Amino acid sequence: MILPILYVAQAIILYGIYYYCKVNKYIMIGKDYIQRNSLSKPKVYVEDVLKVRKKGKIYFFYTNKRTLRINTKLLDSQALLELEVFVKHLPNAVSV
């Protein structure tokens, strides 16, 4: 009796987290990093960015260890402008 209730509670919690991440999708651009809002909070530091690629409406930030993907369809106009300025001012990244 308790096990099905726990499964339902777990499903509700996971759906709530998924819905929160889909609705409140945004990026945080700091002086030294760019971070996407999700459960794991992926962060890429400016000095680690090797290449920036834009494919359609998605930006890819490549480093040695990871790739950060940012979907611009989920951003508002102000955040999109900040992202484009951030990409232009990357010191050692190759834009493709």
N, C-alpha and C. Protein backbone atom coordinates (compact mmCIF):
# COMPACT_ATOMS: atom_id res chain seq x y z
N MET A 1 0.82 -1.20 0.00
CA MET A 1 0.00 0.00 0.00
C MET A 1 0.86 1.27 0.00
N ILE A 2 1.96 1.24 0.72
CA ILE A 2 2.81 2.43 0.83
C ILE A 2 3.65 2.61 -0.44
N LEU A 3 4.07 1.52 -1.03
CA LEU A 3 4.92 1.59 -2.21
C LEU A 3 4.27 2.33 -3.39
N PRO A 4 3.01 2.06 -3.75
CA PRO A 4 2.39 2.84 -4.83
C PRO A 4 2.26 4.33 -4.51
N ILE A 5 2.03 4.64 -3.27
CA ILE A 5 1.92 6.06 -2.87
C ILE A 5 3.28 6.75 -3.05
N LEU A 6 4.37 6.05 -2.70
CA LEU A 6 5.70 6.62 -2.89
C LEU A 6 6.03 6.82 -4.36
N TYR A 7 5.61 5.88 -5.20
CA TYR A 7 5.84 6.04 -6.65
C TYR A 7 5.09 7.24 -7.21
N VAL A 8 3.87 7.42 -6.77
CA VAL A 8 3.08 8.57 -7.24
C VAL A 8 3.70 9.87 -6.74
N ALA A 9 4.14 9.89 -5.48
CA ALA A 9 4.77 11.09 -4.94
C ALA A 9 6.06 11.41 -5.69
N GLN A 10 6.84 10.39 -5.98
CA GLN A 10 8.08 10.60 -6.74
C GLN A 10 7.78 11.13 -8.14
N ALA A 11 6.77 10.60 -8.79
CA ALA A 11 6.41 11.07 -10.13
C ALA A 11 5.96 12.52 -10.10
N ILE A 12 5.21 12.90 -9.09
CA ILE A 12 4.74 14.29 -8.97
C ILE A 12 5.92 15.23 -8.73
N ILE A 13 6.85 14.83 -7.89
CA ILE A 13 8.02 15.66 -7.61
C ILE A 13 8.87 15.83 -8.87
N LEU A 14 9.13 14.74 -9.58
CA LEU A 14 9.94 14.82 -10.79
C LEU A 14 9.26 15.64 -11.89
N TYR A 15 7.96 15.50 -12.02
CA TYR A 15 7.24 16.31 -13.00
C TYR A 15 7.29 17.79 -12.60
N GLY A 16 7.18 18.08 -11.32
CA GLY A 16 7.28 19.46 -10.86
C GLY A 16 8.64 20.07 -11.18
N ILE A 17 9.70 19.31 -10.96
CA ILE A 17 11.05 19.80 -11.28
C ILE A 17 11.20 20.01 -12.78
N TYR A 18 10.72 19.07 -13.58
CA TYR A 18 10.78 19.18 -15.03
C TYR A 18 10.02 20.41 -15.51
N TYR A 19 8.81 20.62 -15.00
CA TYR A 19 8.00 21.76 -15.40
C TYR A 19 8.66 23.08 -15.00
N TYR A 20 9.25 23.13 -13.80
CA TYR A 20 9.94 24.34 -13.35
C TYR A 20 11.10 24.68 -14.29
N CYS A 21 11.87 23.68 -14.67
CA CYS A 21 13.01 23.92 -15.55
C CYS A 21 12.57 24.34 -16.95
N LYS A 22 11.46 23.84 -17.43
CA LYS A 22 10.97 24.22 -18.75
C LYS A 22 10.40 25.63 -18.75
N VAL A 23 9.66 25.98 -17.71
CA VAL A 23 9.00 27.30 -17.67
C VAL A 23 9.98 28.40 -17.29
N ASN A 24 10.84 28.17 -16.34
CA ASN A 24 11.75 29.19 -15.84
C ASN A 24 13.15 29.05 -16.43
N LYS A 25 13.20 28.79 -17.71
CA LYS A 25 14.47 28.60 -18.37
C LYS A 25 15.11 29.98 -18.59
N TYR A 26 16.27 30.17 -18.07
CA TYR A 26 17.00 31.41 -18.31
C TYR A 26 18.48 31.14 -18.13
N ILE A 27 19.26 32.12 -18.50
CA ILE A 27 20.70 32.01 -18.33
C ILE A 27 21.17 33.13 -17.43
N MET A 28 22.25 32.87 -16.74
CA MET A 28 22.89 33.89 -15.91
C MET A 28 24.26 34.15 -16.50
N ILE A 29 24.49 35.39 -16.87
CA ILE A 29 25.78 35.76 -17.46
C ILE A 29 26.52 36.61 -16.44
N GLY A 30 27.62 36.09 -15.96
CA GLY A 30 28.45 36.81 -15.02
C GLY A 30 29.68 37.36 -15.72
N LYS A 31 30.56 37.94 -14.95
CA LYS A 31 31.78 38.49 -15.51
C LYS A 31 32.72 37.39 -16.00
N ASP A 32 32.73 36.26 -15.28
CA ASP A 32 33.66 35.19 -15.59
C ASP A 32 33.02 33.91 -16.11
N TYR A 33 31.68 33.87 -16.16
CA TYR A 33 31.03 32.61 -16.53
C TYR A 33 29.67 32.85 -17.17
N ILE A 34 29.12 31.78 -17.77
CA ILE A 34 27.75 31.76 -18.25
C ILE A 34 27.14 30.47 -17.71
N GLN A 35 25.91 30.58 -17.18
CA GLN A 35 25.28 29.45 -16.53
C GLN A 35 23.83 29.34 -16.96
N ARG A 36 23.39 28.10 -17.18
CA ARG A 36 22.01 27.85 -17.57
C ARG A 36 21.24 27.32 -16.36
N ASN A 37 19.98 27.72 -16.23
CA ASN A 37 19.16 27.28 -15.12
C ASN A 37 18.63 25.88 -15.40
N SER A 38 19.09 24.92 -14.64
CA SER A 38 18.58 23.55 -14.69
C SER A 38 18.95 22.89 -13.38
N LEU A 39 18.65 21.63 -13.25
CA LEU A 39 18.93 20.96 -11.99
C LEU A 39 20.42 20.87 -11.68
N SER A 40 21.23 20.58 -12.67
CA SER A 40 22.66 20.44 -12.43
C SER A 40 23.41 21.77 -12.51
N LYS A 41 22.74 22.82 -12.93
CA LYS A 41 23.33 24.16 -13.06
C LYS A 41 24.64 24.15 -13.84
N PRO A 42 24.60 23.75 -15.12
CA PRO A 42 25.84 23.72 -15.90
C PRO A 42 26.42 25.13 -16.06
N LYS A 43 27.70 25.23 -15.82
CA LYS A 43 28.40 26.52 -15.86
C LYS A 43 29.64 26.38 -16.71
N VAL A 44 29.90 27.39 -17.55
CA VAL A 44 31.10 27.43 -18.39
C VAL A 44 31.81 28.73 -18.08
N TYR A 45 33.09 28.62 -17.78
CA TYR A 45 33.91 29.80 -17.50
C TYR A 45 34.46 30.37 -18.80
N VAL A 46 34.62 31.68 -18.84
CA VAL A 46 35.05 32.39 -20.05
C VAL A 46 36.42 31.90 -20.52
N GLU A 47 37.34 31.71 -19.62
CA GLU A 47 38.69 31.32 -20.03
C GLU A 47 38.75 29.89 -20.57
N ASP A 48 37.72 29.06 -20.30
CA ASP A 48 37.71 27.68 -20.78
C ASP A 48 37.04 27.51 -22.14
N VAL A 49 36.34 28.52 -22.62
CA VAL A 49 35.59 28.39 -23.88
C VAL A 49 36.57 28.35 -25.05
N LEU A 50 36.48 27.27 -25.81
CA LEU A 50 37.33 27.11 -26.98
C LEU A 50 36.64 27.53 -28.27
N LYS A 51 35.36 27.20 -28.37
CA LYS A 51 34.63 27.46 -29.61
C LYS A 51 33.17 27.74 -29.27
N VAL A 52 32.58 28.66 -30.01
CA VAL A 52 31.15 28.96 -29.90
C VAL A 52 30.54 28.70 -31.27
N ARG A 53 29.47 27.93 -31.26
CA ARG A 53 28.81 27.58 -32.53
C ARG A 53 27.33 27.89 -32.40
N LYS A 54 26.78 28.49 -33.44
CA LYS A 54 25.35 28.77 -33.47
C LYS A 54 24.74 27.95 -34.59
N LYS A 55 23.81 27.10 -34.23
CA LYS A 55 23.12 26.27 -35.21
C LYS A 55 21.63 26.52 -35.04
N GLY A 56 21.06 27.27 -35.98
CA GLY A 56 19.65 27.65 -35.87
C GLY A 56 19.47 28.64 -34.73
N LYS A 57 18.69 28.25 -33.75
CA LYS A 57 18.47 29.12 -32.60
C LYS A 57 19.12 28.57 -31.34
N ILE A 58 20.16 27.75 -31.50
CA ILE A 58 20.83 27.15 -30.36
C ILE A 58 22.31 27.53 -30.41
N TYR A 59 22.82 28.04 -29.29
CA TYR A 59 24.23 28.32 -29.13
C TYR A 59 24.89 27.14 -28.43
N PHE A 60 26.07 26.74 -28.91
CA PHE A 60 26.87 25.70 -28.28
C PHE A 60 28.18 26.33 -27.82
N PHE A 61 28.49 26.20 -26.55
CA PHE A 61 29.75 26.66 -25.99
C PHE A 61 30.59 25.42 -25.69
N TYR A 62 31.71 25.27 -26.39
CA TYR A 62 32.55 24.09 -26.26
C TYR A 62 33.75 24.39 -25.38
N THR A 63 34.04 23.49 -24.44
CA THR A 63 35.26 23.52 -23.64
C THR A 63 35.91 22.14 -23.75
N ASN A 64 37.01 21.95 -23.05
CA ASN A 64 37.65 20.64 -23.06
C ASN A 64 36.80 19.58 -22.37
N LYS A 65 36.07 19.95 -21.34
CA LYS A 65 35.35 18.98 -20.53
C LYS A 65 33.87 18.86 -20.87
N ARG A 66 33.24 19.92 -21.33
CA ARG A 66 31.79 19.88 -21.53
C ARG A 66 31.35 20.79 -22.66
N THR A 67 30.09 20.64 -23.01
CA THR A 67 29.44 21.49 -24.00
C THR A 67 28.17 22.05 -23.38
N LEU A 68 28.05 23.36 -23.38
CA LEU A 68 26.86 24.01 -22.85
C LEU A 68 25.98 24.40 -24.03
N ARG A 69 24.73 23.98 -23.99
CA ARG A 69 23.77 24.27 -25.06
C ARG A 69 22.73 25.24 -24.53
N ILE A 70 22.51 26.35 -25.25
CA ILE A 70 21.52 27.35 -24.86
C ILE A 70 20.57 27.56 -26.01
N ASN A 71 19.30 27.29 -25.77
CA ASN A 71 18.25 27.46 -26.76
C ASN A 71 17.73 28.89 -26.66
N THR A 72 17.91 29.67 -27.71
CA THR A 72 17.53 31.09 -27.67
C THR A 72 16.02 31.29 -27.82
N LYS A 73 15.29 30.26 -28.22
CA LYS A 73 13.83 30.38 -28.30
C LYS A 73 13.22 30.55 -26.91
N LEU A 74 13.94 30.11 -25.88
CA LEU A 74 13.43 30.17 -24.52
C LEU A 74 13.84 31.45 -23.80
N LEU A 75 14.56 32.34 -24.47
CA LEU A 75 15.03 33.58 -23.85
C LEU A 75 14.16 34.75 -24.27
N ASP A 76 14.07 35.73 -23.39
CA ASP A 76 13.39 36.96 -23.78
C ASP A 76 14.37 37.85 -24.55
N SER A 77 13.89 38.96 -25.07
CA SER A 77 14.73 39.79 -25.95
C SER A 77 15.92 40.39 -25.23
N GLN A 78 15.76 40.79 -23.96
CA GLN A 78 16.87 41.38 -23.21
C GLN A 78 17.96 40.34 -22.95
N ALA A 79 17.58 39.15 -22.58
CA ALA A 79 18.56 38.09 -22.33
C ALA A 79 19.27 37.69 -23.62
N LEU A 80 18.55 37.72 -24.73
CA LEU A 80 19.16 37.39 -26.01
C LEU A 80 20.21 38.43 -26.40
N LEU A 81 19.93 39.70 -26.17
CA LEU A 81 20.91 40.75 -26.44
C LEU A 81 22.15 40.58 -25.56
N GLU A 82 21.94 40.27 -24.28
CA GLU A 82 23.07 40.05 -23.37
C GLU A 82 23.92 38.87 -23.83
N LEU A 83 23.26 37.82 -24.30
CA LEU A 83 23.99 36.64 -24.77
C LEU A 83 24.83 36.98 -26.00
N GLU A 84 24.27 37.73 -26.94
CA GLU A 84 25.01 38.09 -28.14
C GLU A 84 26.20 38.99 -27.84
N VAL A 85 26.04 39.91 -26.90
CA VAL A 85 27.16 40.77 -26.49
C VAL A 85 28.22 39.92 -25.80
N PHE A 86 27.79 38.96 -24.97
CA PHE A 86 28.72 38.07 -24.28
C PHE A 86 29.54 37.26 -25.28
N VAL A 87 28.90 36.75 -26.31
CA VAL A 87 29.59 35.94 -27.32
C VAL A 87 30.58 36.80 -28.10
N LYS A 88 30.23 38.03 -28.42
CA LYS A 88 31.13 38.91 -29.17
C LYS A 88 32.39 39.25 -28.38
N HIS A 89 32.27 39.30 -27.05
CA HIS A 89 33.40 39.73 -26.22
C HIS A 89 34.20 38.57 -25.63
N LEU A 90 33.97 37.36 -26.09
CA LEU A 90 34.79 36.24 -25.62
C LEU A 90 36.20 36.41 -26.15
N PRO A 91 37.20 36.35 -25.30
CA PRO A 91 38.57 36.67 -25.73
C PRO A 91 39.21 35.63 -26.62
N ASN A 92 39.08 34.35 -26.30
CA ASN A 92 39.86 33.34 -27.03
C ASN A 92 38.99 32.31 -27.73
N ALA A 93 37.72 32.58 -27.92
CA ALA A 93 36.82 31.62 -28.55
C ALA A 93 36.74 31.87 -30.05
N VAL A 94 36.60 30.81 -30.79
CA VAL A 94 36.40 30.89 -32.23
C VAL A 94 34.93 30.75 -32.48
N SER A 95 34.31 31.75 -33.11
CA SER A 95 32.88 31.68 -33.43
C SER A 95 32.71 31.03 -34.78
N VAL A 96 31.85 30.03 -34.82
CA VAL A 96 31.60 29.30 -36.07
C VAL A 96 30.16 29.45 -36.45
